[in-house]
PDB file of N, CA and C in Angstrom:
ATOM      1  N   MET A   1       4.044  57.316   8.864  1.00  0.00           N
ATOM      2  CA  MET A   1       4.501  56.728   7.346  1.00  0.00           C
ATOM      3  C   MET A   1       4.279  55.318   7.431  1.00  0.00           C
ATOM      4  N   THR A   2       3.726  54.713   6.527  1.00  0.00           N
ATOM      5  CA  THR A   2       3.784  53.386   6.491  1.00  0.00           C
ATOM      6  C   THR A   2       5.032  52.549   6.201  1.00  0.00           C
ATOM      7  N   GLU A   3       5.300  51.318   6.478  1.00  0.00           N
ATOM      8  CA  GLU A   3       6.499  50.759   6.114  1.00  0.00           C
ATOM      9  C   GLU A   3       6.720  50.586   4.525  1.00  0.00           C
ATOM     10  N   ARG A   4       5.643  50.488   3.837  1.00  0.00           N
ATOM     11  CA  ARG A   4       5.660  50.329   2.459  1.00  0.00           C
ATOM     12  C   ARG A   4       6.100  51.839   1.992  1.00  0.00           C
ATOM     13  N   ASN A   5       5.553  52.788   2.234  1.00  0.00           N
ATOM     14  CA  ASN A   5       6.034  54.289   1.908  1.00  0.00           C
ATOM     15  C   ASN A   5       7.295  54.505   2.143  1.00  0.00           C
ATOM     16  N   GLU A   6       7.656  54.307   3.550  1.00  0.00           N
ATOM     17  CA  GLU A   6       8.970  54.578   3.816  1.00  0.00           C
ATOM     18  C   GLU A   6      10.086  53.908   3.062  1.00  0.00           C
ATOM     19  N   LYS A   7       9.926  52.424   2.818  1.00  0.00           N
ATOM     20  CA  LYS A   7      10.714  51.776   1.959  1.00  0.00           C
ATOM     21  C   LYS A   7      10.956  52.464   0.498  1.00  0.00           C
ATOM     22  N   THR A   8       9.814  52.860   0.021  1.00  0.00           N
ATOM     23  CA  THR A   8       9.836  53.600  -1.415  1.00  0.00           C
ATOM     24  C   THR A   8      10.504  54.807  -1.453  1.00  0.00           C
ATOM     25  N   ILE A   9      10.253  55.469  -0.355  1.00  0.00           N
ATOM     26  CA  ILE A   9      10.909  56.894  -0.292  1.00  0.00           C
ATOM     27  C   ILE A   9      12.531  56.599   0.018  1.00  0.00           C
ATOM     28  N   GLN A  10      12.937  55.744   0.597  1.00  0.00           N
ATOM     29  CA  GLN A  10      14.264  55.466   0.821  1.00  0.00           C
ATOM     30  C   GLN A  10      15.043  54.977  -0.317  1.00  0.00           C
ATOM     31  N   GLU A  11      14.321  54.081  -1.186  1.00  0.00           N
ATOM     32  CA  GLU A  11      14.897  53.766  -2.249  1.00  0.00           C
ATOM     33  C   GLU A  11      14.911  54.901  -3.458  1.00  0.00           C
ATOM     34  N   ALA A  12      13.809  55.525  -3.481  1.00  0.00           N
ATOM     35  CA  ALA A  12      13.951  56.673  -4.430  1.00  0.00           C
ATOM     36  C   ALA A  12      15.051  57.707  -4.119  1.00  0.00           C
ATOM     37  N   VAL A  13      15.267  58.113  -2.755  1.00  0.00           N
ATOM     38  CA  VAL A  13      16.197  58.974  -2.333  1.00  0.00           C
ATOM     39  C   VAL A  13      17.525  58.474  -2.701  1.00  0.00           C
ATOM     40  N   SER A  14      17.687  57.093  -2.503  1.00  0.00           N
ATOM     41  CA  SER A  14      19.138  56.564  -2.702  1.00  0.00           C
ATOM     42  C   SER A  14      19.322  56.531  -4.241  1.00  0.00           C
ATOM     43  N   GLU A  15      18.359  56.571  -4.902  1.00  0.00           N
ATOM     44  CA  GLU A  15      18.448  56.419  -6.480  1.00  0.00           C
ATOM     45  C   GLU A  15      18.560  57.847  -7.145  1.00  0.00           C
ATOM     46  N   GLY A  16      18.332  58.971  -6.083  1.00  0.00           N
ATOM     47  CA  GLY A  16      18.531  60.395  -6.624  1.00  0.00           C
ATOM     48  C   GLY A  16      17.367  60.782  -7.238  1.00  0.00           C
ATOM     49  N   SER A  17      16.045  60.162  -7.069  1.00  0.00           N
ATOM     50  CA  SER A  17      14.924  60.922  -7.689  1.00  0.00           C
ATOM     51  C   SER A  17      14.540  62.150  -7.373  1.00  0.00           C
ATOM     52  N   PRO A  18      14.507  63.129  -8.305  1.00  0.00           N
ATOM     53  CA  PRO A  18      14.226  64.614  -8.143  1.00  0.00           C
ATOM     54  C   PRO A  18      12.648  64.738  -7.662  1.00  0.00           C
ATOM     55  N   GLN A  19      11.960  63.757  -7.681  1.00  0.00           N
ATOM     56  CA  GLN A  19      10.443  63.959  -7.250  1.00  0.00           C
ATOM     57  C   GLN A  19      10.131  63.354  -5.838  1.00  0.00           C
ATOM     58  N   ILE A  20      10.986  63.326  -4.885  1.00  0.00           N
ATOM     59  CA  ILE A  20      10.749  62.475  -3.607  1.00  0.00           C
ATOM     60  C   ILE A  20      10.760  63.328  -2.498  1.00  0.00           C
ATOM     61  N   SER A  21       9.529  63.225  -1.774  1.00  0.00           N
ATOM     62  CA  SER A  21       9.661  63.564  -0.184  1.00  0.00           C
ATOM     63  C   SER A  21       8.355  63.170   0.578  1.00  0.00           C
ATOM     64  N   ALA A  22       8.201  63.404   1.718  1.00  0.00           N
ATOM     65  CA  ALA A  22       6.988  63.016   2.489  1.00  0.00           C
ATOM     66  C   ALA A  22       6.009  64.111   2.346  1.00  0.00           C
ATOM     67  N   CYS A  23       4.809  63.544   2.110  1.00  0.00           N
ATOM     68  CA  CYS A  23       3.721  64.580   1.904  1.00  0.00           C
ATOM     69  C   CYS A  23       2.480  64.010   2.297  1.00  0.00           C
ATOM     70  N   ALA A  24       2.551  63.380   3.567  1.00  0.00           N
ATOM     71  CA  ALA A  24       1.303  62.800   4.191  1.00  0.00           C
ATOM     72  C   ALA A  24       0.225  64.063   4.398  1.00  0.00           C
ATOM     73  N   THR A  25       0.683  65.261   4.557  1.00  0.00           N
ATOM     74  CA  THR A  25      -0.237  66.253   4.786  1.00  0.00           C
ATOM     75  C   THR A  25       0.182  67.341   3.794  1.00  0.00           C
ATOM     76  N   CYS A  26       0.849  66.866   2.590  1.00  0.00           N
ATOM     77  CA  CYS A  26       1.180  67.595   1.657  1.00  0.00           C
ATOM     78  C   CYS A  26       2.174  68.893   2.093  1.00  0.00           C
ATOM     79  N   ALA A  27       2.883  68.597   3.209  1.00  0.00           N
ATOM     80  CA  ALA A  27       3.923  69.675   3.517  1.00  0.00           C
ATOM     81  C   ALA A  27       5.156  69.226   2.786  1.00  0.00           C
ATOM     82  N   HIS A  28       5.322  70.203   1.730  1.00  0.00           N
ATOM     83  CA  HIS A  28       6.300  69.912   0.794  1.00  0.00           C
ATOM     84  C   HIS A  28       7.808  70.328   1.549  1.00  0.00           C
ATOM     85  N   ARG A  29       8.740  69.446   1.011  1.00  0.00           N
ATOM     86  CA  ARG A  29      10.019  69.583   1.629  1.00  0.00           C
ATOM     87  C   ARG A  29      10.962  69.766   0.371  1.00  0.00           C
ATOM     88  N   ASP A  30      12.185  69.512   0.334  1.00  0.00           N
ATOM     89  CA  ASP A  30      13.036  69.630  -0.914  1.00  0.00           C
ATOM     90  C   ASP A  30      12.628  68.924  -2.092  1.00  0.00           C
ATOM     91  N   THR A  31      12.340  67.727  -1.562  1.00  0.00           N
ATOM     92  CA  THR A  31      11.751  66.520  -2.848  1.00  0.00           C
ATOM     93  C   THR A  31      10.232  66.385  -2.135  1.00  0.00           C
ATOM     94  N   ARG A  32       9.460  65.832  -3.207  1.00  0.00           N
ATOM     95  CA  ARG A  32       8.184  65.419  -2.874  1.00  0.00           C
ATOM     96  C   ARG A  32       7.712  64.061  -2.886  1.00  0.00           C
ATOM     97  N   THR A  33       6.938  63.523  -2.063  1.00  0.00           N
ATOM     98  CA  THR A  33       6.259  62.352  -2.293  1.00  0.00           C
ATOM     99  C   THR A  33       4.858  62.486  -1.659  1.00  0.00           C
ATOM    100  N   LYS A  34       4.142  61.366  -1.730  1.00  0.00           N
ATOM    101  CA  LYS A  34       2.599  61.534  -1.424  1.00  0.00           C
ATOM    102  C   LYS A  34       2.544  60.131  -0.604  1.00  0.00           C
ATOM    103  N   GLU A  35       2.183  60.271   0.540  1.00  0.00           N
ATOM    104  CA  GLU A  35       1.913  58.988   1.386  1.00  0.00           C
ATOM    105  C   GLU A  35       0.363  58.573   1.159  1.00  0.00           C
ATOM    106  N   ARG A  36       0.285  57.548   0.426  1.00  0.00           N
ATOM    107  CA  ARG A  36      -1.128  57.043   0.021  1.00  0.00           C
ATOM    108  C   ARG A  36      -1.768  55.980   1.034  1.00  0.00           C
ATOM    109  N   THR A  37      -2.947  56.016   1.198  1.00  0.00           N
ATOM    110  CA  THR A  37      -3.620  54.843   2.054  1.00  0.00           C
ATOM    111  C   THR A  37      -3.431  53.595   1.203  1.00  0.00           C
ATOM    112  N   ASP A  38      -3.484  52.714   1.878  1.00  0.00           N
ATOM    113  CA  ASP A  38      -3.233  51.278   1.461  1.00  0.00           C
ATOM    114  C   ASP A  38      -4.386  50.986   0.191  1.00  0.00           C
ATOM    115  N   LYS A  39      -5.716  51.430   0.433  1.00  0.00           N
ATOM    116  CA  LYS A  39      -6.667  51.143  -0.648  1.00  0.00           C
ATOM    117  C   LYS A  39      -6.171  52.104  -1.888  1.00  0.00           C
ATOM    118  N   GLU A  40      -5.670  53.253  -1.697  1.00  0.00           N
ATOM    119  CA  GLU A  40      -5.401  54.254  -2.937  1.00  0.00           C
ATOM    120  C   GLU A  40      -4.174  53.329  -3.642  1.00  0.00           C
ATOM    121  N   PHE A  41      -3.198  53.050  -2.760  1.00  0.00           N
ATOM    122  CA  PHE A  41      -2.033  52.300  -3.504  1.00  0.00           C
ATOM    123  C   PHE A  41      -2.245  51.191  -4.159  1.00  0.00           C
ATOM    124  N   ARG A  42      -3.333  50.288  -3.582  1.00  0.00           N
ATOM    125  CA  ARG A  42      -3.556  49.056  -4.122  1.00  0.00           C
ATOM    126  C   ARG A  42      -4.420  49.442  -5.689  1.00  0.00           C
ATOM    127  N   SER A  43      -5.412  50.182  -5.485  1.00  0.00           N
ATOM    128  CA  SER A  43      -6.103  50.569  -6.659  1.00  0.00           C
ATOM    129  C   SER A  43      -5.075  51.051  -7.847  1.00  0.00           C
ATOM    130  N   LEU A  44      -4.235  52.043  -7.381  1.00  0.00           N
ATOM    131  CA  LEU A  44      -3.227  52.606  -8.620  1.00  0.00           C
ATOM    132  C   LEU A  44      -2.465  51.509  -9.052  1.00  0.00           C
ATOM    133  N   MET A  45      -1.862  50.548  -8.186  1.00  0.00           N
ATOM    134  CA  MET A  45      -1.048  49.414  -8.529  1.00  0.00           C
ATOM    135  C   MET A  45      -1.725  48.506  -9.390  1.00  0.00           C
ATOM    136  N   ASN A  46      -2.993  48.174  -8.928  1.00  0.00           N
ATOM    137  CA  ASN A  46      -3.714  47.286  -9.824  1.00  0.00           C
ATOM    138  C   ASN A  46      -3.938  47.614 -11.242  1.00  0.00           C
ATOM    139  N   ARG A  47      -4.336  49.081 -11.350  1.00  0.00           N
ATOM    140  CA  ARG A  47      -4.408  49.714 -12.839  1.00  0.00           C
ATOM    141  C   ARG A  47      -2.939  49.482 -13.548  1.00  0.00           C
ATOM    142  N   LEU A  48      -1.955  49.803 -12.796  1.00  0.00           N
ATOM    143  CA  LEU A  48      -0.767  49.789 -13.641  1.00  0.00           C
ATOM    144  C   LEU A  48      -0.302  48.449 -13.981  1.00  0.00           C
ATOM    145  N   LYS A  49      -0.568  47.454 -13.062  1.00  0.00           N
ATOM    146  CA  LYS A  49      -0.356  45.945 -13.467  1.00  0.00           C
ATOM    147  C   LYS A  49      -1.179  45.428 -14.619  1.00  0.00           C
ATOM    148  N   ARG A  50      -2.424  46.075 -14.801  1.00  0.00           N
ATOM    149  CA  ARG A  50      -3.280  45.594 -15.988  1.00  0.00           C
ATOM    150  C   ARG A  50      -2.676  46.257 -17.209  1.00  0.00           C
ATOM    151  N   ILE A  51      -2.164  47.547 -16.944  1.00  0.00           N
ATOM    152  CA  ILE A  51      -1.734  48.195 -18.199  1.00  0.00           C
ATOM    153  C   ILE A  51      -0.336  47.384 -18.617  1.00  0.00           C
ATOM    154  N   GLU A  52       0.282  47.107 -17.532  1.00  0.00           N
ATOM    155  CA  GLU A  52       1.638  46.315 -17.867  1.00  0.00           C
ATOM    156  C   GLU A  52       1.254  45.169 -18.688  1.00  0.00           C
ATOM    157  N   GLY A  53       0.425  44.285 -18.109  1.00  0.00           N
ATOM    158  CA  GLY A  53      -0.152  43.097 -19.019  1.00  0.00           C
ATOM    159  C   GLY A  53      -0.685  43.335 -20.505  1.00  0.00           C
ATOM    160  N   GLN A  54      -1.338  44.710 -20.333  1.00  0.00           N
ATOM    161  CA  GLN A  54      -1.700  44.879 -21.911  1.00  0.00           C
ATOM    162  C   GLN A  54      -0.482  45.426 -22.661  1.00  0.00           C
ATOM    163  N   ILE A  55       0.474  46.038 -22.317  1.00  0.00           N
ATOM    164  CA  ILE A  55       1.556  46.219 -22.911  1.00  0.00           C
ATOM    165  C   ILE A  55       2.292  44.974 -23.433  1.00  0.00           C
ATOM    166  N   ARG A  56       2.417  43.910 -22.531  1.00  0.00           N
ATOM    167  CA  ARG A  56       3.103  42.888 -22.886  1.00  0.00           C
ATOM    168  C   ARG A  56       2.208  42.108 -23.803  1.00  0.00           C
ATOM    169  N   GLY A  57       0.962  42.096 -23.995  1.00  0.00           N
ATOM    170  CA  GLY A  57       0.070  41.627 -24.851  1.00  0.00           C
ATOM    171  C   GLY A  57       0.322  42.172 -26.250  1.00  0.00           C
ATOM    172  N   ILE A  58       0.553  43.483 -26.330  1.00  0.00           N
ATOM    173  CA  ILE A  58       0.855  44.132 -27.571  1.00  0.00           C
ATOM    174  C   ILE A  58       2.209  43.515 -28.053  1.00  0.00           C
ATOM    175  N   GLU A  59       3.115  43.613 -27.040  1.00  0.00           N
ATOM    176  CA  GLU A  59       4.528  42.943 -27.521  1.00  0.00           C
ATOM    177  C   GLU A  59       4.219  41.575 -28.145  1.00  0.00           C
ATOM    178  N   GLY A  60       3.565  40.774 -27.671  1.00  0.00           N
ATOM    179  CA  GLY A  60       3.468  39.460 -28.101  1.00  0.00           C
ATOM    180  C   GLY A  60       2.658  39.619 -29.567  1.00  0.00           C
ATOM    181  N   MET A  61       1.693  40.426 -29.674  1.00  0.00           N
ATOM    182  CA  MET A  61       1.005  40.591 -30.937  1.00  0.00           C
ATOM    183  C   MET A  61       2.069  40.971 -32.207  1.00  0.00           C
ATOM    184  N   LEU A  62       2.895  41.883 -31.692  1.00  0.00           N
ATOM    185  CA  LEU A  62       3.855  42.459 -32.608  1.00  0.00           C
ATOM    186  C   LEU A  62       4.858  41.182 -32.934  1.00  0.00           C
ATOM    187  N   GLU A  63       5.308  40.416 -31.975  1.00  0.00           N
ATOM    188  CA  GLU A  63       6.215  39.368 -32.172  1.00  0.00           C
ATOM    189  C   GLU A  63       5.514  38.199 -33.212  1.00  0.00           C
ATOM    190  N   LYS A  64       4.233  38.040 -33.047  1.00  0.00           N
ATOM    191  CA  LYS A  64       3.422  37.260 -33.846  1.00  0.00           C
ATOM    192  C   LYS A  64       2.981  37.822 -35.156  1.00  0.00           C
ATOM    193  N   ASP A  65       3.487  38.967 -35.432  1.00  0.00           N
ATOM    194  CA  ASP A  65       3.008  39.558 -36.775  1.00  0.00           C
ATOM    195  C   ASP A  65       1.587  39.861 -36.875  1.00  0.00           C
ATOM    196  N   ALA A  66       0.966  40.344 -35.873  1.00  0.00           N
ATOM    197  CA  ALA A  66      -0.570  40.476 -35.666  1.00  0.00           C
ATOM    198  C   ALA A  66      -0.936  41.594 -36.804  1.00  0.00           C
ATOM    199  N   TYR A  67      -2.065  41.529 -37.145  1.00  0.00           N
ATOM    200  CA  TYR A  67      -2.579  42.630 -38.098  1.00  0.00           C
ATOM    201  C   TYR A  67      -2.481  44.115 -37.598  1.00  0.00           C
ATOM    202  N   CYS A  68      -1.805  45.042 -38.353  1.00  0.00           N
ATOM    203  CA  CYS A  68      -1.790  46.476 -37.632  1.00  0.00           C
ATOM    204  C   CYS A  68      -3.074  46.984 -37.027  1.00  0.00           C
ATOM    205  N   PRO A  69      -4.264  46.829 -37.668  1.00  0.00           N
ATOM    206  CA  PRO A  69      -5.326  47.499 -36.856  1.00  0.00           C
ATOM    207  C   PRO A  69      -5.656  46.877 -35.627  1.00  0.00           C
ATOM    208  N   ASP A  70      -5.363  45.508 -35.472  1.00  0.00           N
ATOM    209  CA  ASP A  70      -5.479  44.817 -34.228  1.00  0.00           C
ATOM    210  C   ASP A  70      -4.811  45.265 -33.275  1.00  0.00           C
ATOM    211  N   ILE A  71      -3.393  45.764 -33.532  1.00  0.00           N
ATOM    212  CA  ILE A  71      -2.397  46.046 -32.600  1.00  0.00           C
ATOM    213  C   ILE A  71      -2.775  47.735 -32.176  1.00  0.00           C
ATOM    214  N   LEU A  72      -3.197  48.386 -33.045  1.00  0.00           N
ATOM    215  CA  LEU A  72      -3.652  49.819 -32.882  1.00  0.00           C
ATOM    216  C   LEU A  72      -4.894  49.818 -31.948  1.00  0.00           C
ATOM    217  N   ILE A  73      -5.663  48.922 -32.160  1.00  0.00           N
ATOM    218  CA  ILE A  73      -6.949  48.968 -31.093  1.00  0.00           C
ATOM    219  C   ILE A  73      -6.273  48.521 -29.623  1.00  0.00           C
ATOM    220  N   GLN A  74      -5.386  47.689 -29.554  1.00  0.00           N
ATOM    221  CA  GLN A  74      -5.059  47.276 -28.161  1.00  0.00           C
ATOM    222  C   GLN A  74      -4.229  48.624 -27.809  1.00  0.00           C
ATOM    223  N   VAL A  75      -3.565  49.330 -28.745  1.00  0.00           N
ATOM    224  CA  VAL A  75      -2.671  50.377 -28.017  1.00  0.00           C
ATOM    225  C   VAL A  75      -3.714  51.728 -27.550  1.00  0.00           C
ATOM    226  N   SER A  76      -4.845  51.744 -28.354  1.00  0.00           N
ATOM    227  CA  SER A  76      -5.834  52.704 -28.132  1.00  0.00           C
ATOM    228  C   SER A  76      -6.445  52.182 -26.630  1.00  0.00           C
ATOM    229  N   SER A  77      -6.472  50.928 -26.341  1.00  0.00           N
ATOM    230  CA  SER A  77      -7.131  50.449 -25.021  1.00  0.00           C
ATOM    231  C   SER A  77      -6.017  50.751 -23.894  1.00  0.00           C
ATOM    232  N   VAL A  78      -4.694  50.732 -24.121  1.00  0.00           N
ATOM    233  CA  VAL A  78      -3.705  51.061 -23.172  1.00  0.00           C
ATOM    234  C   VAL A  78      -3.890  52.628 -22.882  1.00  0.00           C
ATOM    235  N   THR A  79      -3.963  53.501 -23.885  1.00  0.00           N
ATOM    236  CA  THR A  79      -4.084  54.875 -23.820  1.00  0.00           C
ATOM    237  C   THR A  79      -5.034  55.127 -22.899  1.00  0.00           C
ATOM    238  N   SER A  80      -6.233  54.455 -23.235  1.00  0.00           N
ATOM    239  CA  SER A  80      -7.527  54.756 -22.487  1.00  0.00           C
ATOM    240  C   SER A  80      -7.147  54.332 -21.032  1.00  0.00           C
ATOM    241  N   ALA A  81      -6.576  53.284 -20.712  1.00  0.00           N
ATOM    242  CA  ALA A  81      -6.488  52.855 -19.398  1.00  0.00           C
ATOM    243  C   ALA A  81      -5.438  53.827 -18.550  1.00  0.00           C
ATOM    244  N   LEU A  82      -4.254  54.357 -19.284  1.00  0.00           N
ATOM    245  CA  LEU A  82      -3.450  55.217 -18.758  1.00  0.00           C
ATOM    246  C   LEU A  82      -4.422  56.698 -18.503  1.00  0.00           C
ATOM    247  N   ASN A  83      -5.106  57.050 -19.260  1.00  0.00           N
ATOM    248  CA  ASN A  83      -5.834  58.212 -18.887  1.00  0.00           C
ATOM    249  C   ASN A  83      -6.738  57.950 -17.742  1.00  0.00           C
ATOM    250  N   SER A  84      -7.238  56.988 -17.655  1.00  0.00           N
ATOM    251  CA  SER A  84      -8.036  56.596 -16.608  1.00  0.00           C
ATOM    252  C   SER A  84      -7.138  56.427 -15.251  1.00  0.00           C
ATOM    253  N   PHE A  85      -6.061  55.991 -15.339  1.00  0.00           N
ATOM    254  CA  PHE A  85      -5.131  56.099 -14.183  1.00  0.00           C
ATOM    255  C   PHE A  85      -4.651  57.684 -13.750  1.00  0.00           C
ATOM    256  N   ASN A  86      -4.475  58.427 -14.775  1.00  0.00           N
ATOM    257  CA  ASN A  86      -4.266  59.787 -14.412  1.00  0.00           C
ATOM    258  C   ASN A  86      -5.300  60.540 -13.914  1.00  0.00           C
ATOM    259  N   LYS A  87      -6.727  60.118 -14.281  1.00  0.00           N
ATOM    260  CA  LYS A  87      -7.926  60.828 -13.833  1.00  0.00           C
ATOM    261  C   LYS A  87      -7.849  60.458 -12.318  1.00  0.00           C
ATOM    262  N   GLU A  88      -7.678  59.285 -11.919  1.00  0.00           N
ATOM    263  CA  GLU A  88      -7.720  58.945 -10.491  1.00  0.00           C
ATOM    264  C   GLU A  88      -6.551  59.589  -9.730  1.00  0.00           C
ATOM    265  N   LEU A  89      -5.456  59.758 -10.259  1.00  0.00           N
ATOM    266  CA  LEU A  89      -4.284  60.157  -9.623  1.00  0.00           C
ATOM    267  C   LEU A  89      -4.416  61.736  -9.195  1.00  0.00           C
ATOM    268  N   LEU A  90      -4.953  62.280 -10.484  1.00  0.00           N
ATOM    269  CA  LEU A  90      -5.206  63.779 -10.549  1.00  0.00           C
ATOM    270  C   LEU A  90      -6.253  64.080  -9.360  1.00  0.00           C
ATOM    271  N   ALA A  91      -7.363  63.337  -9.376  1.00  0.00           N
ATOM    272  CA  ALA A  91      -8.624  63.420  -8.468  1.00  0.00           C
ATOM    273  C   ALA A  91      -8.068  63.294  -6.897  1.00  0.00           C
ATOM    274  N   SER A  92      -7.112  62.592  -6.677  1.00  0.00           N
ATOM    275  CA  SER A  92      -6.584  62.355  -5.341  1.00  0.00           C
ATOM    276  C   SER A  92      -5.845  63.344  -5.021  1.00  0.00           C
ATOM    277  N   HIS A  93      -4.799  63.899  -6.025  1.00  0.00           N
ATOM    278  CA  HIS A  93      -3.939  65.104  -5.807  1.00  0.00           C
ATOM    279  C   HIS A  93      -4.643  66.355  -5.439  1.00  0.00           C
ATOM    280  N   VAL A  94      -5.743  66.484  -6.150  1.00  0.00           N
ATOM    281  CA  VAL A  94      -6.492  67.757  -5.974  1.00  0.00           C
ATOM    282  C   VAL A  94      -7.181  67.652  -4.510  1.00  0.00           C
ATOM    283  N   ARG A  95      -7.790  66.539  -4.377  1.00  0.00           N
ATOM    284  CA  ARG A  95      -8.534  66.298  -3.015  1.00  0.00           C
ATOM    285  C   ARG A  95      -7.539  66.440  -1.777  1.00  0.00           C
ATOM    286  N   THR A  96      -6.137  66.163  -1.907  1.00  0.00           N
ATOM    287  CA  THR A  96      -5.453  66.053  -0.646  1.00  0.00           C
ATOM    288  C   THR A  96      -4.423  67.099  -0.858  1.00  0.00           C
ATOM    289  N   CYS A  97      -3.413  66.848  -1.680  1.00  0.00           N
ATOM    290  CA  CYS A  97      -2.337  68.062  -1.695  1.00  0.00           C
ATOM    291  C   CYS A  97      -2.773  69.428  -1.948  1.00  0.00           C
ATOM    292  N   VAL A  98      -3.280  69.536  -3.180  1.00  0.00           N
ATOM    293  CA  VAL A  98      -3.663  70.895  -3.461  1.00  0.00           C
ATOM    294  C   VAL A  98      -4.757  71.485  -2.591  1.00  0.00           C
ATOM    295  N   ALA A  99      -5.708  70.849  -2.133  1.00  0.00           N
ATOM    296  CA  ALA A  99      -6.571  71.382  -1.070  1.00  0.00           C
ATOM    297  C   ALA A  99      -5.925  71.730   0.329  1.00  0.00           C
ATOM    298  N   ASN A 100      -5.065  70.916   0.748  1.00  0.00           N
ATOM    299  CA  ASN A 100      -4.260  71.114   1.997  1.00  0.00           C
ATOM    300  C   ASN A 100      -3.511  72.364   1.803  1.00  0.00           C
ATOM    301  N   ASP A 101      -2.524  72.275   0.719  1.00  0.00           N
ATOM    302  CA  ASP A 101      -1.789  73.429   0.383  1.00  0.00           C
ATOM    303  C   ASP A 101      -2.351  74.778   0.359  1.00  0.00           C
ATOM    304  N   ILE A 102      -3.694  74.873  -0.401  1.00  0.00           N
ATOM    305  CA  ILE A 102      -4.361  76.114  -0.317  1.00  0.00           C
ATOM    306  C   ILE A 102      -5.033  76.389   0.824  1.00  0.00           C
ATOM    307  N   ARG A 103      -5.439  75.542   1.698  1.00  0.00           N
ATOM    308  CA  ARG A 103      -5.813  75.714   3.077  1.00  0.00           C
ATOM    309  C   ARG A 103      -4.686  76.464   3.918  1.00  0.00           C
ATOM    310  N   GLN A 104      -3.388  76.084   3.614  1.00  0.00           N
ATOM    311  CA  GLN A 104      -2.331  76.472   4.413  1.00  0.00           C
ATOM    312  C   GLN A 104      -1.654  77.669   3.579  1.00  0.00           C
ATOM    313  N   GLY A 105      -2.484  78.417   2.589  1.00  0.00           N
ATOM    314  CA  GLY A 105      -1.901  79.511   2.106  1.00  0.00           C
ATOM    315  C   GLY A 105      -0.853  79.396   0.897  1.00  0.00           C
ATOM    316  N   ASN A 106      -0.582  78.142   0.516  1.00  0.00           N
ATOM    317  CA  ASN A 106       0.313  77.809  -0.377  1.00  0.00           C
ATOM    318  C   ASN A 106      -0.172  77.914  -1.818  1.00  0.00           C
ATOM    319  N   ASP A 107      -0.094  79.262  -2.506  1.00  0.00           N
ATOM    320  CA  ASP A 107      -0.849  79.366  -3.682  1.00  0.00           C
ATOM    321  C   ASP A 107       0.034  78.713  -4.738  1.00  0.00           C
ATOM    322  N   GLU A 108       1.279  78.630  -4.617  1.00  0.00           N
ATOM    323  CA  GLU A 108       2.107  78.221  -5.704  1.00  0.00           C
ATOM    324  C   GLU A 108       1.523  76.759  -6.218  1.00  0.00           C
ATOM    325  N   THR A 109       0.950  76.183  -5.266  1.00  0.00           N
ATOM    326  CA  THR A 109       0.463  74.607  -5.650  1.00  0.00           C
ATOM    327  C   THR A 109      -0.481  74.937  -6.894  1.00  0.00           C
ATOM    328  N   ILE A 110      -1.369  76.005  -6.863  1.00  0.00           N
ATOM    329  CA  ILE A 110      -2.224  76.262  -8.047  1.00  0.00           C
ATOM    330  C   ILE A 110      -1.526  76.252  -9.333  1.00  0.00           C
ATOM    331  N   ASP A 111      -0.379  77.185  -9.216  1.00  0.00           N
ATOM    332  CA  ASP A 111       0.527  77.174 -10.572  1.00  0.00           C
ATOM    333  C   ASP A 111       1.061  75.894 -10.823  1.00  0.00           C
ATOM    334  N   GLU A 112       1.312  75.179 -10.057  1.00  0.00           N
ATOM    335  CA  GLU A 112       1.870  73.766 -10.323  1.00  0.00           C
ATOM    336  C   GLU A 112       0.660  72.897 -10.867  1.00  0.00           C
ATOM    337  N   LEU A 113      -0.383  73.047 -10.248  1.00  0.00           N
ATOM    338  CA  LEU A 113      -1.559  72.195 -10.804  1.00  0.00           C
ATOM    339  C   LEU A 113      -1.776  72.676 -12.311  1.00  0.00           C
ATOM    340  N   VAL A 114      -1.805  74.072 -12.468  1.00  0.00           N
ATOM    341  CA  VAL A 114      -2.159  74.387 -13.952  1.00  0.00           C
ATOM    342  C   VAL A 114      -0.960  73.829 -14.868  1.00  0.00           C
ATOM    343  N   GLU A 115       0.356  73.914 -14.585  1.00  0.00           N
ATOM    344  CA  GLU A 115       1.439  73.276 -15.231  1.00  0.00           C
ATOM    345  C   GLU A 115       1.176  71.850 -15.613  1.00  0.00           C
ATOM    346  N   VAL A 116       0.807  71.114 -14.356  1.00  0.00           N
ATOM    347  CA  VAL A 116       0.431  69.672 -14.850  1.00  0.00           C
ATOM    348  C   VAL A 116      -0.654  69.461 -15.798  1.00  0.00           C
ATOM    349  N   LEU A 117      -1.731  70.283 -15.537  1.00  0.00           N
ATOM    350  CA  LEU A 117      -2.959  70.069 -16.570  1.00  0.00           C
ATOM    351  C   LEU A 117      -2.519  70.454 -17.854  1.00  0.00           C
ATOM    352  N   LYS A 118      -1.625  71.492 -18.034  1.00  0.00           N
ATOM    353  CA  LYS A 118      -1.174  71.794 -19.480  1.00  0.00           C
ATOM    354  C   LYS A 118      -0.439  70.523 -20.195  1.00  0.00           C
ATOM    355  N   LYS A 119       0.436  69.907 -19.310  1.00  0.00           N
ATOM    356  CA  LYS A 119       0.984  68.829 -19.857  1.00  0.00           C
ATOM    357  C   LYS A 119       0.190  67.519 -20.068  1.00  0.00           C
ATOM    358  N   LEU A 120      -0.817  67.333 -19.340  1.00  0.00           N
ATOM    359  CA  LEU A 120      -1.729  66.199 -19.339  1.00  0.00           C
ATOM    360  C   LEU A 120      -2.697  66.598 -20.609  1.00  0.00           C
ATOM    361  N   MET A 121      -2.880  67.744 -20.901  1.00  0.00           N
ATOM    362  CA  MET A 121      -3.812  67.998 -22.170  1.00  0.00           C
ATOM    363  C   MET A 121      -3.102  68.105 -23.511  1.00  0.00           C
ATOM    364  N   LYS A 122      -2.035  67.791 -23.478  1.00  0.00           N
ATOM    365  CA  LYS A 122      -1.274  67.957 -24.816  1.00  0.00           C
ATOM    366  C   LYS A 122      -1.677  66.994 -25.892  1.00  0.00           C
TER     367      LYS A 122
END
């Protein structure tokens, strides 16, 4: 496990997060995490930082009394960016965690994936 992931796991466990555990090969424990490659981590973090910047831009527009349709267009851009983030994360999850669990005979992962997809498609 990388130092970056170990620190994240330790912080989350100490904060009592219900979604934390080591999942480098997707062997689930009481809590779950996913050890990501540095490339995947950087890609996802870069997306989130851009989204964060977009949100701050929307806050600034609101503070400056920007025209409603202009704000709505920016909100739509954030929604699209979040959807792209979800697609990238979901693809990685299916290629790694889901595939590994199925190979190991853990069919519960399929049910979990179906529930996640239902939530994403609301």
